[in-house]
Amino acid sequence: MKKHVLLATLAAGLLIFQPSGQVLAEVDVNINIGAPGFVVGYNPDFFYVPDLGYSISYGGPYDIISYGGYYYLYHNGRWYRSNHYRHGRWVIVDHHRIPYKIRRHHWNDIRRYRDVHYRKIHPNKFRDHRDRDWDRRDRDWDHRDRNWDRNDRRDRNDRRDRNDHEWRRDR
């Protein structure tokens, strides 16, 4: 019996005082905030391009396609999709998830079809939009001239006052 107690104590001692292996602890934290969102701060004019089979916008900093109840935008080599062009959330879409009607054309071909059709509809407006430098976007470009009607009214009132003073002088 003493032998068994001695062997059990020896085995327990070997297990307790055995050198432990290397212990590794690792923490991996990933925070994904998503791709940068788009803010389309203008109301684009959409027109149907028969050669493409869908509507496309013209005259803004972004070219937006309207097809199948969604809006598609191509920017910096990525496709984005939203359910509303202005108030919707733009999410990145893989190329194979884009409708075939859009995907089958290269982006430069889409722009060429759009420009050709726009020239047919609005021959004089095409030059104005084409020559504008869209790479130099202002954040508030659509609010820049929001007081144009007030200034016009102010000018008319000034003219009316001047005419009124001249009339009084003549009396």
C-alpha atoms as a PDB file:
ATOM      1  CA  MET A   1       0.000   0.000   0.000  1.00  0.00           C
ATOM      2  CA  LYS A   2       2.880   2.308   0.756  1.00  0.00           C
ATOM      3  CA  LYS A   3       4.116   1.553  -2.731  1.00  0.00           C
ATOM      4  CA  HIS A   4       0.814   2.671  -4.255  1.00  0.00           C
ATOM      5  CA  VAL A   5       0.731   5.884  -2.241  1.00  0.00           C
ATOM      6  CA  LEU A   6       4.333   6.585  -3.177  1.00  0.00           C
ATOM      7  CA  LEU A   7       3.641   5.953  -6.886  1.00  0.00           C
ATOM      8  CA  ALA A   8       0.487   8.121  -6.816  1.00  0.00           C
ATOM      9  CA  THR A   9       2.381  10.960  -5.115  1.00  0.00           C
ATOM     10  CA  LEU A  10       5.221  10.649  -7.591  1.00  0.00           C
ATOM     11  CA  ALA A  11       2.799  10.686 -10.561  1.00  0.00           C
ATOM     12  CA  ALA A  12       0.951  13.700  -9.136  1.00  0.00           C
ATOM     13  CA  GLY A  13       4.239  15.499  -8.569  1.00  0.00           C
ATOM     14  CA  LEU A  14       5.349  14.837 -12.118  1.00  0.00           C
ATOM     15  CA  LEU A  15       2.065  16.167 -13.482  1.00  0.00           C
ATOM     16  CA  ILE A  16       2.032  19.255 -11.284  1.00  0.00           C
ATOM     17  CA  PHE A  17       5.654  20.232 -11.741  1.00  0.00           C
ATOM     18  CA  GLN A  18       5.873  19.334 -15.412  1.00  0.00           C
ATOM     19  CA  PRO A  19       7.143  22.266 -17.486  1.00  0.00           C
ATOM     20  CA  SER A  20       4.228  23.805 -19.346  1.00  0.00           C
ATOM     21  CA  GLY A  21       4.231  24.462 -23.088  1.00  0.00           C
ATOM     22  CA  GLN A  22       4.155  27.885 -24.656  1.00  0.00           C
ATOM     23  CA  VAL A  23       0.822  29.647 -24.134  1.00  0.00           C
ATOM     24  CA  LEU A  24      -0.383  31.981 -26.888  1.00  0.00           C
ATOM     25  CA  ALA A  25      -3.101  34.576 -26.530  1.00  0.00           C
ATOM     26  CA  GLU A  26      -4.214  36.618 -29.494  1.00  0.00           C
ATOM     27  CA  VAL A  27      -6.834  39.326 -29.972  1.00  0.00           C
ATOM     28  CA  ASP A  28      -7.984  40.281 -33.462  1.00  0.00           C
ATOM     29  CA  VAL A  29     -10.343  43.252 -33.820  1.00  0.00           C
ATOM     30  CA  ASN A  30     -11.745  44.247 -37.218  1.00  0.00           C
ATOM     31  CA  ILE A  31     -14.021  47.211 -37.640  1.00  0.00           C
ATOM     32  CA  ASN A  32     -15.603  47.630 -41.054  1.00  0.00           C
ATOM     33  CA  ILE A  33     -17.141  51.034 -41.600  1.00  0.00           C
ATOM     34  CA  GLY A  34     -17.977  50.264 -45.212  1.00  0.00           C
ATOM     35  CA  ALA A  35     -17.225  52.153 -48.370  1.00  0.00           C
ATOM     36  CA  PRO A  36     -17.567  55.922 -48.498  1.00  0.00           C
ATOM     37  CA  GLY A  37     -21.127  56.957 -49.123  1.00  0.00           C
ATOM     38  CA  PHE A  38     -22.303  59.157 -51.948  1.00  0.00           C
ATOM     39  CA  VAL A  39     -24.406  62.215 -51.564  1.00  0.00           C
ATOM     40  CA  VAL A  40     -26.142  63.161 -54.768  1.00  0.00           C
ATOM     41  CA  GLY A  41     -27.108  66.741 -54.015  1.00  0.00           C
ATOM     42  CA  TYR A  42     -28.949  67.507 -57.213  1.00  0.00           C
ATOM     43  CA  ASN A  43     -31.939  66.246 -59.171  1.00  0.00           C
ATOM     44  CA  PRO A  44     -30.527  64.655 -62.310  1.00  0.00           C
ATOM     45  CA  ASP A  45     -32.368  64.798 -65.609  1.00  0.00           C
ATOM     46  CA  PHE A  46     -32.968  61.271 -66.874  1.00  0.00           C
ATOM     47  CA  PHE A  47     -33.707  60.473 -70.488  1.00  0.00           C
ATOM     48  CA  TYR A  48     -34.239  57.158 -72.207  1.00  0.00           C
ATOM     49  CA  VAL A  49     -31.515  55.995 -74.612  1.00  0.00           C
ATOM     50  CA  PRO A  50     -33.065  53.490 -77.050  1.00  0.00           C
ATOM     51  CA  ASP A  51     -29.692  52.018 -78.080  1.00  0.00           C
ATOM     52  CA  LEU A  52     -29.023  51.030 -74.462  1.00  0.00           C
ATOM     53  CA  GLY A  53     -32.545  50.179 -73.305  1.00  0.00           C
ATOM     54  CA  TYR A  54     -32.525  52.218 -70.087  1.00  0.00           C
ATOM     55  CA  SER A  55     -32.496  55.798 -68.809  1.00  0.00           C
ATOM     56  CA  ILE A  56     -29.332  57.674 -67.914  1.00  0.00           C
ATOM     57  CA  SER A  57     -28.735  61.059 -66.304  1.00  0.00           C
ATOM     58  CA  TYR A  58     -26.938  63.958 -67.887  1.00  0.00           C
ATOM     59  CA  GLY A  59     -25.608  67.266 -66.655  1.00  0.00           C
ATOM     60  CA  GLY A  60     -24.258  66.458 -63.201  1.00  0.00           C
ATOM     61  CA  PRO A  61     -21.042  65.372 -61.533  1.00  0.00           C
ATOM     62  CA  TYR A  62     -22.165  61.710 -61.505  1.00  0.00           C
ATOM     63  CA  ASP A  63     -23.600  59.657 -64.342  1.00  0.00           C
ATOM     64  CA  ILE A  64     -26.524  57.691 -62.923  1.00  0.00           C
ATOM     65  CA  ILE A  65     -28.369  54.872 -64.694  1.00  0.00           C
ATOM     66  CA  SER A  66     -32.025  54.129 -63.943  1.00  0.00           C
ATOM     67  CA  TYR A  67     -33.043  50.542 -64.675  1.00  0.00           C
ATOM     68  CA  GLY A  68     -35.439  48.041 -63.112  1.00  0.00           C
ATOM     69  CA  GLY A  69     -36.448  50.204 -60.148  1.00  0.00           C
ATOM     70  CA  TYR A  70     -32.842  50.817 -59.056  1.00  0.00           C
ATOM     71  CA  TYR A  71     -30.240  53.470 -59.721  1.00  0.00           C
ATOM     72  CA  TYR A  72     -26.695  52.475 -60.664  1.00  0.00           C
ATOM     73  CA  LEU A  73     -23.617  54.658 -60.447  1.00  0.00           C
ATOM     74  CA  TYR A  74     -20.100  53.851 -61.673  1.00  0.00           C
ATOM     75  CA  HIS A  75     -17.333  55.661 -59.776  1.00  0.00           C
ATOM     76  CA  ASN A  76     -13.599  54.932 -59.368  1.00  0.00           C
ATOM     77  CA  GLY A  77     -13.861  51.469 -60.908  1.00  0.00           C
ATOM     78  CA  ARG A  78     -16.777  50.326 -58.708  1.00  0.00           C
ATOM     79  CA  TRP A  79     -20.490  49.965 -59.266  1.00  0.00           C
ATOM     80  CA  TYR A  80     -22.943  51.313 -56.684  1.00  0.00           C
ATOM     81  CA  ARG A  81     -26.683  50.687 -56.437  1.00  0.00           C
ATOM     82  CA  SER A  82     -29.471  52.497 -54.617  1.00  0.00           C
ATOM     83  CA  ASN A  83     -33.251  52.429 -54.562  1.00  0.00           C
ATOM     84  CA  HIS A  84     -33.368  56.246 -54.806  1.00  0.00           C
ATOM     85  CA  TYR A  85     -30.829  58.491 -56.468  1.00  0.00           C
ATOM     86  CA  ARG A  86     -30.910  61.225 -53.845  1.00  0.00           C
ATOM     87  CA  HIS A  87     -32.154  59.831 -50.531  1.00  0.00           C
ATOM     88  CA  GLY A  88     -31.168  56.199 -50.939  1.00  0.00           C
ATOM     89  CA  ARG A  89     -28.152  54.443 -49.497  1.00  0.00           C
ATOM     90  CA  TRP A  90     -25.514  53.666 -52.142  1.00  0.00           C
ATOM     91  CA  VAL A  91     -24.014  50.196 -51.674  1.00  0.00           C
ATOM     92  CA  ILE A  92     -21.174  48.567 -53.599  1.00  0.00           C
ATOM     93  CA  VAL A  93     -22.359  45.913 -56.041  1.00  0.00           C
ATOM     94  CA  ASP A  94     -20.196  43.188 -57.566  1.00  0.00           C
ATOM     95  CA  HIS A  95     -19.865  43.337 -61.333  1.00  0.00           C
ATOM     96  CA  HIS A  96     -21.739  40.056 -61.837  1.00  0.00           C
ATOM     97  CA  ARG A  97     -24.728  41.438 -59.855  1.00  0.00           C
ATOM     98  CA  ILE A  98     -25.235  44.336 -62.280  1.00  0.00           C
ATOM     99  CA  PRO A  99     -28.086  43.681 -64.767  1.00  0.00           C
ATOM    100  CA  TYR A 100     -26.834  42.230 -68.031  1.00  0.00           C
ATOM    101  CA  LYS A 101     -28.262  45.129 -70.042  1.00  0.00           C
ATOM    102  CA  ILE A 102     -25.888  47.486 -68.214  1.00  0.00           C
ATOM    103  CA  ARG A 103     -22.979  45.073 -67.820  1.00  0.00           C
ATOM    104  CA  ARG A 104     -22.714  44.175 -71.495  1.00  0.00           C
ATOM    105  CA  HIS A 105     -21.542  47.699 -72.416  1.00  0.00           C
ATOM    106  CA  HIS A 106     -18.241  49.241 -71.391  1.00  0.00           C
ATOM    107  CA  TRP A 107     -18.663  52.441 -69.393  1.00  0.00           C
ATOM    108  CA  ASN A 108     -17.086  54.575 -72.130  1.00  0.00           C
ATOM    109  CA  ASP A 109     -19.561  53.133 -74.660  1.00  0.00           C
ATOM    110  CA  ILE A 110     -22.465  53.984 -72.345  1.00  0.00           C
ATOM    111  CA  ARG A 111     -21.271  57.590 -72.170  1.00  0.00           C
ATOM    112  CA  ARG A 112     -20.819  57.744 -75.938  1.00  0.00           C
ATOM    113  CA  TYR A 113     -24.366  56.455 -76.576  1.00  0.00           C
ATOM    114  CA  ARG A 114     -25.671  58.910 -74.003  1.00  0.00           C
ATOM    115  CA  ASP A 115     -23.833  61.872 -75.548  1.00  0.00           C
ATOM    116  CA  VAL A 116     -24.943  61.027 -79.088  1.00  0.00           C
ATOM    117  CA  HIS A 117     -28.583  60.725 -78.037  1.00  0.00           C
ATOM    118  CA  TYR A 118     -28.424  63.882 -75.894  1.00  0.00           C
ATOM    119  CA  ARG A 119     -27.026  65.844 -78.858  1.00  0.00           C
ATOM    120  CA  LYS A 120     -30.025  64.752 -80.917  1.00  0.00           C
ATOM    121  CA  ILE A 121     -32.462  65.954 -78.254  1.00  0.00           C
ATOM    122  CA  HIS A 122     -30.650  69.129 -77.091  1.00  0.00           C
ATOM    123  CA  PRO A 123     -28.110  70.230 -79.711  1.00  0.00           C
ATOM    124  CA  ASN A 124     -27.246  73.550 -78.010  1.00  0.00           C
ATOM    125  CA  LYS A 125     -27.130  72.384 -74.390  1.00  0.00           C
ATOM    126  CA  PHE A 126     -24.596  69.657 -75.109  1.00  0.00           C
ATOM    127  CA  ARG A 127     -21.719  72.114 -75.442  1.00  0.00           C
ATOM    128  CA  ASP A 128     -22.479  73.804 -72.118  1.00  0.00           C
ATOM    129  CA  HIS A 129     -22.388  70.544 -70.138  1.00  0.00           C
ATOM    130  CA  ARG A 130     -19.465  69.067 -72.049  1.00  0.00           C
ATOM    131  CA  ASP A 131     -17.195  72.067 -71.433  1.00  0.00           C
ATOM    132  CA  ARG A 132     -17.904  72.324 -67.710  1.00  0.00           C
ATOM    133  CA  ASP A 133     -15.093  71.004 -65.525  1.00  0.00           C
ATOM    134  CA  TRP A 134     -16.900  68.348 -63.472  1.00  0.00           C
ATOM    135  CA  ASP A 135     -13.724  67.182 -61.749  1.00  0.00           C
ATOM    136  CA  ARG A 136     -13.660  70.444 -59.834  1.00  0.00           C
ATOM    137  CA  ARG A 137     -16.850  69.852 -57.871  1.00  0.00           C
ATOM    138  CA  ASP A 138     -18.106  72.314 -55.317  1.00  0.00           C
ATOM    139  CA  ARG A 139     -19.864  70.761 -52.369  1.00  0.00           C
ATOM    140  CA  ASP A 140     -22.678  73.286 -52.586  1.00  0.00           C
ATOM    141  CA  TRP A 141     -22.814  73.786 -56.344  1.00  0.00           C
ATOM    142  CA  ASP A 142     -26.563  73.311 -56.412  1.00  0.00           C
ATOM    143  CA  HIS A 143     -27.165  75.912 -53.666  1.00  0.00           C
ATOM    144  CA  ARG A 144     -24.758  78.512 -54.992  1.00  0.00           C
ATOM    145  CA  ASP A 145     -27.358  80.662 -56.741  1.00  0.00           C
ATOM    146  CA  ARG A 146     -30.314  79.955 -54.519  1.00  0.00           C
ATOM    147  CA  ASN A 147     -31.044  83.672 -53.963  1.00  0.00           C
ATOM    148  CA  TRP A 148     -31.121  84.654 -57.623  1.00  0.00           C
ATOM    149  CA  ASP A 149     -34.824  85.488 -57.499  1.00  0.00           C
ATOM    150  CA  ARG A 150     -34.406  87.698 -54.421  1.00  0.00           C
ATOM    151  CA  ASN A 151     -31.654  89.670 -56.108  1.00  0.00           C
ATOM    152  CA  ASP A 152     -33.833  90.129 -59.167  1.00  0.00           C
ATOM    153  CA  ARG A 153     -36.733  91.419 -57.042  1.00  0.00           C
ATOM    154  CA  ARG A 154     -34.383  93.766 -55.207  1.00  0.00           C
ATOM    155  CA  ASP A 155     -33.217  95.255 -58.514  1.00  0.00           C
ATOM    156  CA  ARG A 156     -36.784  95.785 -59.676  1.00  0.00           C
ATOM    157  CA  ASN A 157     -37.714  97.493 -56.395  1.00  0.00           C
ATOM    158  CA  ASP A 158     -34.681  99.783 -56.633  1.00  0.00           C
ATOM    159  CA  ARG A 159     -35.684 100.807 -60.151  1.00  0.00           C
ATOM    160  CA  ARG A 160     -39.242 101.443 -59.011  1.00  0.00           C
ATOM    161  CA  ASP A 161     -38.006 103.610 -56.107  1.00  0.00           C
ATOM    162  CA  ARG A 162     -35.733 105.587 -58.423  1.00  0.00           C
ATOM    163  CA  ASN A 163     -38.599 106.188 -60.800  1.00  0.00           C
ATOM    164  CA  ASP A 164     -40.809 107.228 -57.890  1.00  0.00           C
ATOM    165  CA  HIS A 165     -38.236 109.800 -56.690  1.00  0.00           C
ATOM    166  CA  GLU A 166     -37.852 111.203 -60.187  1.00  0.00           C
ATOM    167  CA  TRP A 167     -41.617 111.553 -60.446  1.00  0.00           C
ATOM    168  CA  ARG A 168     -41.753 113.479 -57.146  1.00  0.00           C
ATOM    169  CA  ARG A 169     -38.969 115.808 -58.272  1.00  0.00           C
ATOM    170  CA  ASP A 170     -40.888 116.713 -61.403  1.00  0.00           C
ATOM    171  CA  ARG A 171     -43.990 117.811 -59.468  1.00  0.00           C
END
